[in-house]
PDB file of N, CA and C in Angstrom:
ATOM      1  N   MET A   1      10.191  29.575  -5.218  1.00  0.00           N
ATOM      2  CA  MET A   1       9.700  28.330  -5.766  1.00  0.00           C
ATOM      3  C   MET A   1       8.234  28.181  -5.365  1.00  0.00           C
ATOM      4  N   GLY A   2       7.360  28.066  -6.344  1.00  0.00           N
ATOM      5  CA  GLY A   2       5.936  27.991  -6.081  1.00  0.00           C
ATOM      6  C   GLY A   2       5.419  26.566  -6.038  1.00  0.00           C
ATOM      7  N   PHE A   3       4.172  26.455  -5.684  1.00  0.00           N
ATOM      8  CA  PHE A   3       3.495  25.165  -5.619  1.00  0.00           C
ATOM      9  C   PHE A   3       3.235  24.660  -7.029  1.00  0.00           C
ATOM     10  N   ASN A   4       3.645  23.442  -7.318  1.00  0.00           N
ATOM     11  CA  ASN A   4       3.464  22.858  -8.634  1.00  0.00           C
ATOM     12  C   ASN A   4       2.499  21.677  -8.512  1.00  0.00           C
ATOM     13  N   VAL A   5       1.323  21.820  -9.082  1.00  0.00           N
ATOM     14  CA  VAL A   5       0.285  20.801  -8.984  1.00  0.00           C
ATOM     15  C   VAL A   5       0.732  19.482  -9.610  1.00  0.00           C
ATOM     16  N   ASP A   6       1.419  19.552 -10.744  1.00  0.00           N
ATOM     17  CA  ASP A   6       1.880  18.329 -11.398  1.00  0.00           C
ATOM     18  C   ASP A   6       2.860  17.560 -10.514  1.00  0.00           C
ATOM     19  N   GLN A   7       3.753  18.272  -9.865  1.00  0.00           N
ATOM     20  CA  GLN A   7       4.720  17.617  -8.980  1.00  0.00           C
ATOM     21  C   GLN A   7       4.014  17.003  -7.776  1.00  0.00           C
ATOM     22  N   ALA A   8       3.035  17.714  -7.232  1.00  0.00           N
ATOM     23  CA  ALA A   8       2.287  17.200  -6.089  1.00  0.00           C
ATOM     24  C   ALA A   8       1.512  15.946  -6.472  1.00  0.00           C
ATOM     25  N   ASN A   9       0.896  15.960  -7.646  1.00  0.00           N
ATOM     26  CA  ASN A   9       0.148  14.787  -8.108  1.00  0.00           C
ATOM     27  C   ASN A   9       1.079  13.603  -8.358  1.00  0.00           C
ATOM     28  N   ALA A  10       2.246  13.855  -8.915  1.00  0.00           N
ATOM     29  CA  ALA A  10       3.212  12.788  -9.165  1.00  0.00           C
ATOM     30  C   ALA A  10       3.684  12.182  -7.843  1.00  0.00           C
ATOM     31  N   ALA A  11       3.924  13.015  -6.858  1.00  0.00           N
ATOM     32  CA  ALA A  11       4.354  12.519  -5.543  1.00  0.00           C
ATOM     33  C   ALA A  11       3.250  11.688  -4.899  1.00  0.00           C
ATOM     34  N   LYS A  12       2.025  12.131  -5.020  1.00  0.00           N
ATOM     35  CA  LYS A  12       0.895  11.382  -4.469  1.00  0.00           C
ATOM     36  C   LYS A  12       0.769  10.027  -5.156  1.00  0.00           C
ATOM     37  N   GLN A  13       0.942  10.000  -6.459  1.00  0.00           N
ATOM     38  CA  GLN A  13       0.859   8.745  -7.199  1.00  0.00           C
ATOM     39  C   GLN A  13       1.953   7.777  -6.749  1.00  0.00           C
ATOM     40  N   ARG A  14       3.155   8.292  -6.539  1.00  0.00           N
ATOM     41  CA  ARG A  14       4.252   7.436  -6.074  1.00  0.00           C
ATOM     42  C   ARG A  14       3.945   6.850  -4.695  1.00  0.00           C
ATOM     43  N   ARG A  15       3.392   7.676  -3.804  1.00  0.00           N
ATOM     44  CA  ARG A  15       3.022   7.182  -2.471  1.00  0.00           C
ATOM     45  C   ARG A  15       1.966   6.095  -2.574  1.00  0.00           C
ATOM     46  N   ASN A  16       0.979   6.301  -3.427  1.00  0.00           N
ATOM     47  CA  ASN A  16      -0.078   5.300  -3.600  1.00  0.00           C
ATOM     48  C   ASN A  16       0.473   3.990  -4.150  1.00  0.00           C
ATOM     49  N   GLU A  17       1.433   4.071  -5.037  1.00  0.00           N
ATOM     50  CA  GLU A  17       2.031   2.876  -5.606  1.00  0.00           C
ATOM     51  C   GLU A  17       2.846   2.115  -4.564  1.00  0.00           C
ATOM     52  N   LEU A  18       3.327   2.830  -3.566  1.00  0.00           N
ATOM     53  CA  LEU A  18       4.132   2.207  -2.520  1.00  0.00           C
ATOM     54  C   LEU A  18       3.277   1.570  -1.428  1.00  0.00           C
ATOM     55  N   MET A  19       1.981   1.842  -1.445  1.00  0.00           N
ATOM     56  CA  MET A  19       1.102   1.245  -0.446  1.00  0.00           C
ATOM     57  C   MET A  19       1.119  -0.271  -0.606  1.00  0.00           C
ATOM     58  N   THR A  20       1.205  -0.944   0.491  1.00  0.00           N
ATOM     59  CA  THR A  20       1.182  -2.399   0.451  1.00  0.00           C
ATOM     60  C   THR A  20      -0.258  -2.889   0.432  1.00  0.00           C
ATOM     61  N   ALA A  21      -0.430  -4.156   0.148  1.00  0.00           N
ATOM     62  CA  ALA A  21      -1.763  -4.755   0.188  1.00  0.00           C
ATOM     63  C   ALA A  21      -2.343  -4.616   1.597  1.00  0.00           C
ATOM     64  N   THR A  22      -1.502  -4.720   2.599  1.00  0.00           N
ATOM     65  CA  THR A  22      -1.957  -4.572   3.981  1.00  0.00           C
ATOM     66  C   THR A  22      -2.498  -3.175   4.224  1.00  0.00           C
ATOM     67  N   ASP A  23      -1.819  -2.163   3.686  1.00  0.00           N
ATOM     68  CA  ASP A  23      -2.278  -0.778   3.824  1.00  0.00           C
ATOM     69  C   ASP A  23      -3.633  -0.599   3.144  1.00  0.00           C
ATOM     70  N   ARG A  24      -3.764  -1.134   1.929  1.00  0.00           N
ATOM     71  CA  ARG A  24      -5.020  -0.996   1.187  1.00  0.00           C
ATOM     72  C   ARG A  24      -6.153  -1.707   1.909  1.00  0.00           C
ATOM     73  N   TYR A  25      -5.870  -2.902   2.441  1.00  0.00           N
ATOM     74  CA  TYR A  25      -6.885  -3.636   3.190  1.00  0.00           C
ATOM     75  C   TYR A  25      -7.300  -2.845   4.437  1.00  0.00           C
ATOM     76  N   ALA A  26      -6.340  -2.295   5.152  1.00  0.00           N
ATOM     77  CA  ALA A  26      -6.636  -1.544   6.379  1.00  0.00           C
ATOM     78  C   ALA A  26      -7.554  -0.366   6.091  1.00  0.00           C
ATOM     79  N   LYS A  27      -7.300   0.349   5.009  1.00  0.00           N
ATOM     80  CA  LYS A  27      -8.159   1.486   4.647  1.00  0.00           C
ATOM     81  C   LYS A  27      -9.558   1.011   4.278  1.00  0.00           C
ATOM     82  N   ALA A  28      -9.641  -0.068   3.511  1.00  0.00           N
ATOM     83  CA  ALA A  28     -10.946  -0.608   3.119  1.00  0.00           C
ATOM     84  C   ALA A  28     -11.702  -1.100   4.350  1.00  0.00           C
ATOM     85  N   HIS A  29     -11.011  -1.815   5.222  1.00  0.00           N
ATOM     86  CA  HIS A  29     -11.622  -2.343   6.444  1.00  0.00           C
ATOM     87  C   HIS A  29     -12.203  -1.215   7.285  1.00  0.00           C
ATOM     88  N   GLN A  30     -11.429  -0.172   7.452  1.00  0.00           N
ATOM     89  CA  GLN A  30     -11.870   0.979   8.247  1.00  0.00           C
ATOM     90  C   GLN A  30     -13.130   1.601   7.638  1.00  0.00           C
ATOM     91  N   ARG A  31     -13.144   1.766   6.337  1.00  0.00           N
ATOM     92  CA  ARG A  31     -14.298   2.367   5.678  1.00  0.00           C
ATOM     93  C   ARG A  31     -15.540   1.494   5.825  1.00  0.00           C
ATOM     94  N   VAL A  32     -15.384   0.206   5.603  1.00  0.00           N
ATOM     95  CA  VAL A  32     -16.525  -0.709   5.682  1.00  0.00           C
ATOM     96  C   VAL A  32     -17.114  -0.705   7.087  1.00  0.00           C
ATOM     97  N   HIS A  33     -16.266  -0.765   8.090  1.00  0.00           N
ATOM     98  CA  HIS A  33     -16.767  -0.860   9.456  1.00  0.00           C
ATOM     99  C   HIS A  33     -17.278   0.465  10.013  1.00  0.00           C
ATOM    100  N   ARG A  34     -16.983   1.552   9.353  1.00  0.00           N
ATOM    101  CA  ARG A  34     -17.540   2.851   9.752  1.00  0.00           C
ATOM    102  C   ARG A  34     -18.883   3.126   9.086  1.00  0.00           C
ATOM    103  N   SER A  35     -19.228   2.354   8.084  1.00  0.00           N
ATOM    104  CA  SER A  35     -20.461   2.583   7.333  1.00  0.00           C
ATOM    105  C   SER A  35     -21.507   1.524   7.681  1.00  0.00           C
ATOM    106  N   PRO A  36     -22.604   1.926   8.293  1.00  0.00           N
ATOM    107  CA  PRO A  36     -23.655   0.949   8.602  1.00  0.00           C
ATOM    108  C   PRO A  36     -24.170   0.224   7.353  1.00  0.00           C
ATOM    109  N   ARG A  37     -24.205   0.902   6.229  1.00  0.00           N
ATOM    110  CA  ARG A  37     -24.697   0.287   4.989  1.00  0.00           C
ATOM    111  C   ARG A  37     -23.736  -0.768   4.458  1.00  0.00           C
ATOM    112  N   LEU A  38     -22.449  -0.576   4.669  1.00  0.00           N
ATOM    113  CA  LEU A  38     -21.461  -1.526   4.179  1.00  0.00           C
ATOM    114  C   LEU A  38     -21.128  -2.609   5.206  1.00  0.00           C
ATOM    115  N   ARG A  39     -21.226  -2.254   6.469  1.00  0.00           N
ATOM    116  CA  ARG A  39     -20.832  -3.172   7.548  1.00  0.00           C
ATOM    117  C   ARG A  39     -21.545  -4.512   7.443  1.00  0.00           C
ATOM    118  N   LYS A  40     -22.826  -4.509   7.068  1.00  0.00           N
ATOM    119  CA  LYS A  40     -23.575  -5.769   7.019  1.00  0.00           C
ATOM    120  C   LYS A  40     -23.094  -6.695   5.902  1.00  0.00           C
ATOM    121  N   TYR A  41     -22.303  -6.169   4.965  1.00  0.00           N
ATOM    122  CA  TYR A  41     -21.740  -6.967   3.874  1.00  0.00           C
ATOM    123  C   TYR A  41     -20.227  -7.129   4.003  1.00  0.00           C
ATOM    124  N   ALA A  42     -19.706  -6.900   5.191  1.00  0.00           N
ATOM    125  CA  ALA A  42     -18.249  -6.869   5.395  1.00  0.00           C
ATOM    126  C   ALA A  42     -17.555  -8.122   4.885  1.00  0.00           C
ATOM    127  N   SER A  43     -18.107  -9.290   5.144  1.00  0.00           N
ATOM    128  CA  SER A  43     -17.420 -10.521   4.720  1.00  0.00           C
ATOM    129  C   SER A  43     -17.316 -10.619   3.201  1.00  0.00           C
ATOM    130  N   ILE A  44     -18.296 -10.081   2.503  1.00  0.00           N
ATOM    131  CA  ILE A  44     -18.261 -10.082   1.034  1.00  0.00           C
ATOM    132  C   ILE A  44     -17.301  -9.006   0.534  1.00  0.00           C
ATOM    133  N   ILE A  45     -17.469  -7.805   1.043  1.00  0.00           N
ATOM    134  CA  ILE A  45     -16.696  -6.659   0.561  1.00  0.00           C
ATOM    135  C   ILE A  45     -15.209  -6.815   0.847  1.00  0.00           C
ATOM    136  N   LEU A  46     -14.874  -7.386   1.993  1.00  0.00           N
ATOM    137  CA  LEU A  46     -13.474  -7.469   2.392  1.00  0.00           C
ATOM    138  C   LEU A  46     -12.801  -8.766   1.974  1.00  0.00           C
ATOM    139  N   ALA A  47     -13.469  -9.557   1.158  1.00  0.00           N
ATOM    140  CA  ALA A  47     -12.833 -10.765   0.629  1.00  0.00           C
ATOM    141  C   ALA A  47     -11.643 -10.360  -0.240  1.00  0.00           C
ATOM    142  N   ASP A  48     -10.636 -11.193  -0.263  1.00  0.00           N
ATOM    143  CA  ASP A  48      -9.435 -10.901  -1.051  1.00  0.00           C
ATOM    144  C   ASP A  48      -9.711 -11.238  -2.514  1.00  0.00           C
ATOM    145  N   LEU A  49     -10.107 -10.232  -3.268  1.00  0.00           N
ATOM    146  CA  LEU A  49     -10.434 -10.420  -4.676  1.00  0.00           C
ATOM    147  C   LEU A  49      -9.305  -9.977  -5.590  1.00  0.00           C
ATOM    148  N   GLY A  50      -8.179  -9.640  -4.995  1.00  0.00           N
ATOM    149  CA  GLY A  50      -6.992  -9.305  -5.781  1.00  0.00           C
ATOM    150  C   GLY A  50      -7.090  -7.962  -6.490  1.00  0.00           C
ATOM    151  N   GLY A  51      -6.055  -7.683  -7.234  1.00  0.00           N
ATOM    152  CA  GLY A  51      -6.017  -6.452  -8.020  1.00  0.00           C
ATOM    153  C   GLY A  51      -6.196  -5.212  -7.164  1.00  0.00           C
ATOM    154  N   ARG A  52      -7.036  -4.353  -7.638  1.00  0.00           N
ATOM    155  CA  ARG A  52      -7.277  -3.067  -6.965  1.00  0.00           C
ATOM    156  C   ARG A  52      -8.588  -3.051  -6.189  1.00  0.00           C
ATOM    157  N   HIS A  53      -9.087  -4.225  -5.819  1.00  0.00           N
ATOM    158  CA  HIS A  53     -10.388  -4.317  -5.156  1.00  0.00           C
ATOM    159  C   HIS A  53     -10.470  -3.445  -3.911  1.00  0.00           C
ATOM    160  N   TRP A  54      -9.471  -3.553  -3.021  1.00  0.00           N
ATOM    161  CA  TRP A  54      -9.544  -2.795  -1.779  1.00  0.00           C
ATOM    162  C   TRP A  54      -9.442  -1.297  -2.012  1.00  0.00           C
ATOM    163  N   GLU A  55      -8.750  -0.877  -3.041  1.00  0.00           N
ATOM    164  CA  GLU A  55      -8.737   0.551  -3.384  1.00  0.00           C
ATOM    165  C   GLU A  55     -10.129   0.982  -3.832  1.00  0.00           C
ATOM    166  N   TRP A  56     -10.770   0.143  -4.628  1.00  0.00           N
ATOM    167  CA  TRP A  56     -12.136   0.444  -5.076  1.00  0.00           C
ATOM    168  C   TRP A  56     -13.046   0.589  -3.861  1.00  0.00           C
ATOM    169  N   VAL A  57     -12.920  -0.334  -2.896  1.00  0.00           N
ATOM    170  CA  VAL A  57     -13.739  -0.277  -1.688  1.00  0.00           C
ATOM    171  C   VAL A  57     -13.463   1.020  -0.924  1.00  0.00           C
ATOM    172  N   THR A  58     -12.246   1.471  -0.935  1.00  0.00           N
ATOM    173  CA  THR A  58     -11.876   2.685  -0.205  1.00  0.00           C
ATOM    174  C   THR A  58     -12.434   3.945  -0.850  1.00  0.00           C
ATOM    175  N   TYR A  59     -12.521   3.961  -2.198  1.00  0.00           N
ATOM    176  CA  TYR A  59     -12.850   5.217  -2.874  1.00  0.00           C
ATOM    177  C   TYR A  59     -14.179   5.246  -3.630  1.00  0.00           C
ATOM    178  N   ALA A  60     -14.788   4.117  -3.886  1.00  0.00           N
ATOM    179  CA  ALA A  60     -16.047   4.105  -4.639  1.00  0.00           C
ATOM    180  C   ALA A  60     -17.196   4.630  -3.772  1.00  0.00           C
ATOM    181  N   ARG A  61     -18.269   4.982  -4.439  1.00  0.00           N
ATOM    182  CA  ARG A  61     -19.453   5.455  -3.705  1.00  0.00           C
ATOM    183  C   ARG A  61     -20.058   4.295  -2.914  1.00  0.00           C
ATOM    184  N   VAL A  62     -20.530   4.600  -1.709  1.00  0.00           N
ATOM    185  CA  VAL A  62     -21.132   3.580  -0.842  1.00  0.00           C
ATOM    186  C   VAL A  62     -22.270   2.875  -1.577  1.00  0.00           C
ATOM    187  N   LYS A  63     -23.081   3.636  -2.272  1.00  0.00           N
ATOM    188  CA  LYS A  63     -24.215   3.065  -2.997  1.00  0.00           C
ATOM    189  C   LYS A  63     -23.754   2.017  -4.015  1.00  0.00           C
ATOM    190  N   GLU A  64     -22.663   2.293  -4.700  1.00  0.00           N
ATOM    191  CA  GLU A  64     -22.124   1.379  -5.704  1.00  0.00           C
ATOM    192  C   GLU A  64     -21.601   0.085  -5.059  1.00  0.00           C
ATOM    193  N   ILE A  65     -20.869   0.233  -3.970  1.00  0.00           N
ATOM    194  CA  ILE A  65     -20.326  -0.934  -3.276  1.00  0.00           C
ATOM    195  C   ILE A  65     -21.465  -1.767  -2.692  1.00  0.00           C
ATOM    196  N   GLU A  66     -22.428  -1.096  -2.104  1.00  0.00           N
ATOM    197  CA  GLU A  66     -23.568  -1.786  -1.510  1.00  0.00           C
ATOM    198  C   GLU A  66     -24.343  -2.585  -2.562  1.00  0.00           C
ATOM    199  N   ALA A  67     -24.593  -1.994  -3.709  1.00  0.00           N
ATOM    200  CA  ALA A  67     -25.310  -2.692  -4.787  1.00  0.00           C
ATOM    201  C   ALA A  67     -24.526  -3.916  -5.252  1.00  0.00           C
ATOM    202  N   TRP A  68     -23.225  -3.773  -5.381  1.00  0.00           N
ATOM    203  CA  TRP A  68     -22.374  -4.893  -5.796  1.00  0.00           C
ATOM    204  C   TRP A  68     -22.448  -6.015  -4.764  1.00  0.00           C
ATOM    205  N   ALA A  69     -22.328  -5.669  -3.480  1.00  0.00           N
ATOM    206  CA  ALA A  69     -22.351  -6.676  -2.409  1.00  0.00           C
ATOM    207  C   ALA A  69     -23.714  -7.374  -2.338  1.00  0.00           C
ATOM    208  N   GLN A  70     -24.793  -6.609  -2.523  1.00  0.00           N
ATOM    209  CA  GLN A  70     -26.135  -7.209  -2.530  1.00  0.00           C
ATOM    210  C   GLN A  70     -26.255  -8.234  -3.643  1.00  0.00           C
ATOM    211  N   LYS A  71     -25.733  -7.904  -4.818  1.00  0.00           N
ATOM    212  CA  LYS A  71     -25.793  -8.814  -5.964  1.00  0.00           C
ATOM    213  C   LYS A  71     -24.995 -10.088  -5.682  1.00  0.00           C
ATOM    214  N   ILE A  72     -23.824  -9.961  -5.115  1.00  0.00           N
ATOM    215  CA  ILE A  72     -23.009 -11.124  -4.758  1.00  0.00           C
ATOM    216  C   ILE A  72     -23.764 -12.009  -3.766  1.00  0.00           C
ATOM    217  N   LYS A  73     -24.365 -11.372  -2.759  1.00  0.00           N
ATOM    218  CA  LYS A  73     -25.116 -12.122  -1.741  1.00  0.00           C
ATOM    219  C   LYS A  73     -26.300 -12.845  -2.369  1.00  0.00           C
ATOM    220  N   GLU A  74     -27.059 -12.153  -3.204  1.00  0.00           N
ATOM    221  CA  GLU A  74     -28.213 -12.759  -3.872  1.00  0.00           C
ATOM    222  C   GLU A  74     -27.783 -13.949  -4.731  1.00  0.00           C
ATOM    223  N   ASP A  75     -26.706 -13.788  -5.468  1.00  0.00           N
ATOM    224  CA  ASP A  75     -26.214 -14.864  -6.325  1.00  0.00           C
ATOM    225  C   ASP A  75     -25.768 -16.080  -5.506  1.00  0.00           C
ATOM    226  N   SER A  76     -25.208 -15.842  -4.328  1.00  0.00           N
ATOM    227  CA  SER A  76     -24.735 -16.952  -3.517  1.00  0.00           C
ATOM    228  C   SER A  76     -25.880 -17.640  -2.775  1.00  0.00           C
ATOM    229  N   ASP A  77     -26.999 -16.940  -2.602  1.00  0.00           N
ATOM    230  CA  ASP A  77     -28.161 -17.519  -1.928  1.00  0.00           C
ATOM    231  C   ASP A  77     -28.970 -18.430  -2.845  1.00  0.00           C
ATOM    232  N   GLU A  78     -28.732 -18.367  -4.127  1.00  0.00           N
ATOM    233  CA  GLU A  78     -29.511 -19.142  -5.093  1.00  0.00           C
ATOM    234  C   GLU A  78     -29.082 -20.587  -5.128  1.00  0.00           C
TER     235      GLU A  78
END
């Protein structure tokens, strides 16, 4: 029996679907606090915005998250 990429991907997808909101938040929190560029926007980035926000924070490019957080901060300062 050989390695089947489709089966491995399906199993990974099932595991991801089983992740709780707490798990997703924990991963996002860890990433934000390990990144000096993101850490300064932690309160914005780690806000509970629902949906798949924390997954996005976990996997998106730092530059993309940072730009989004800067825009939120600028908008709130106005």
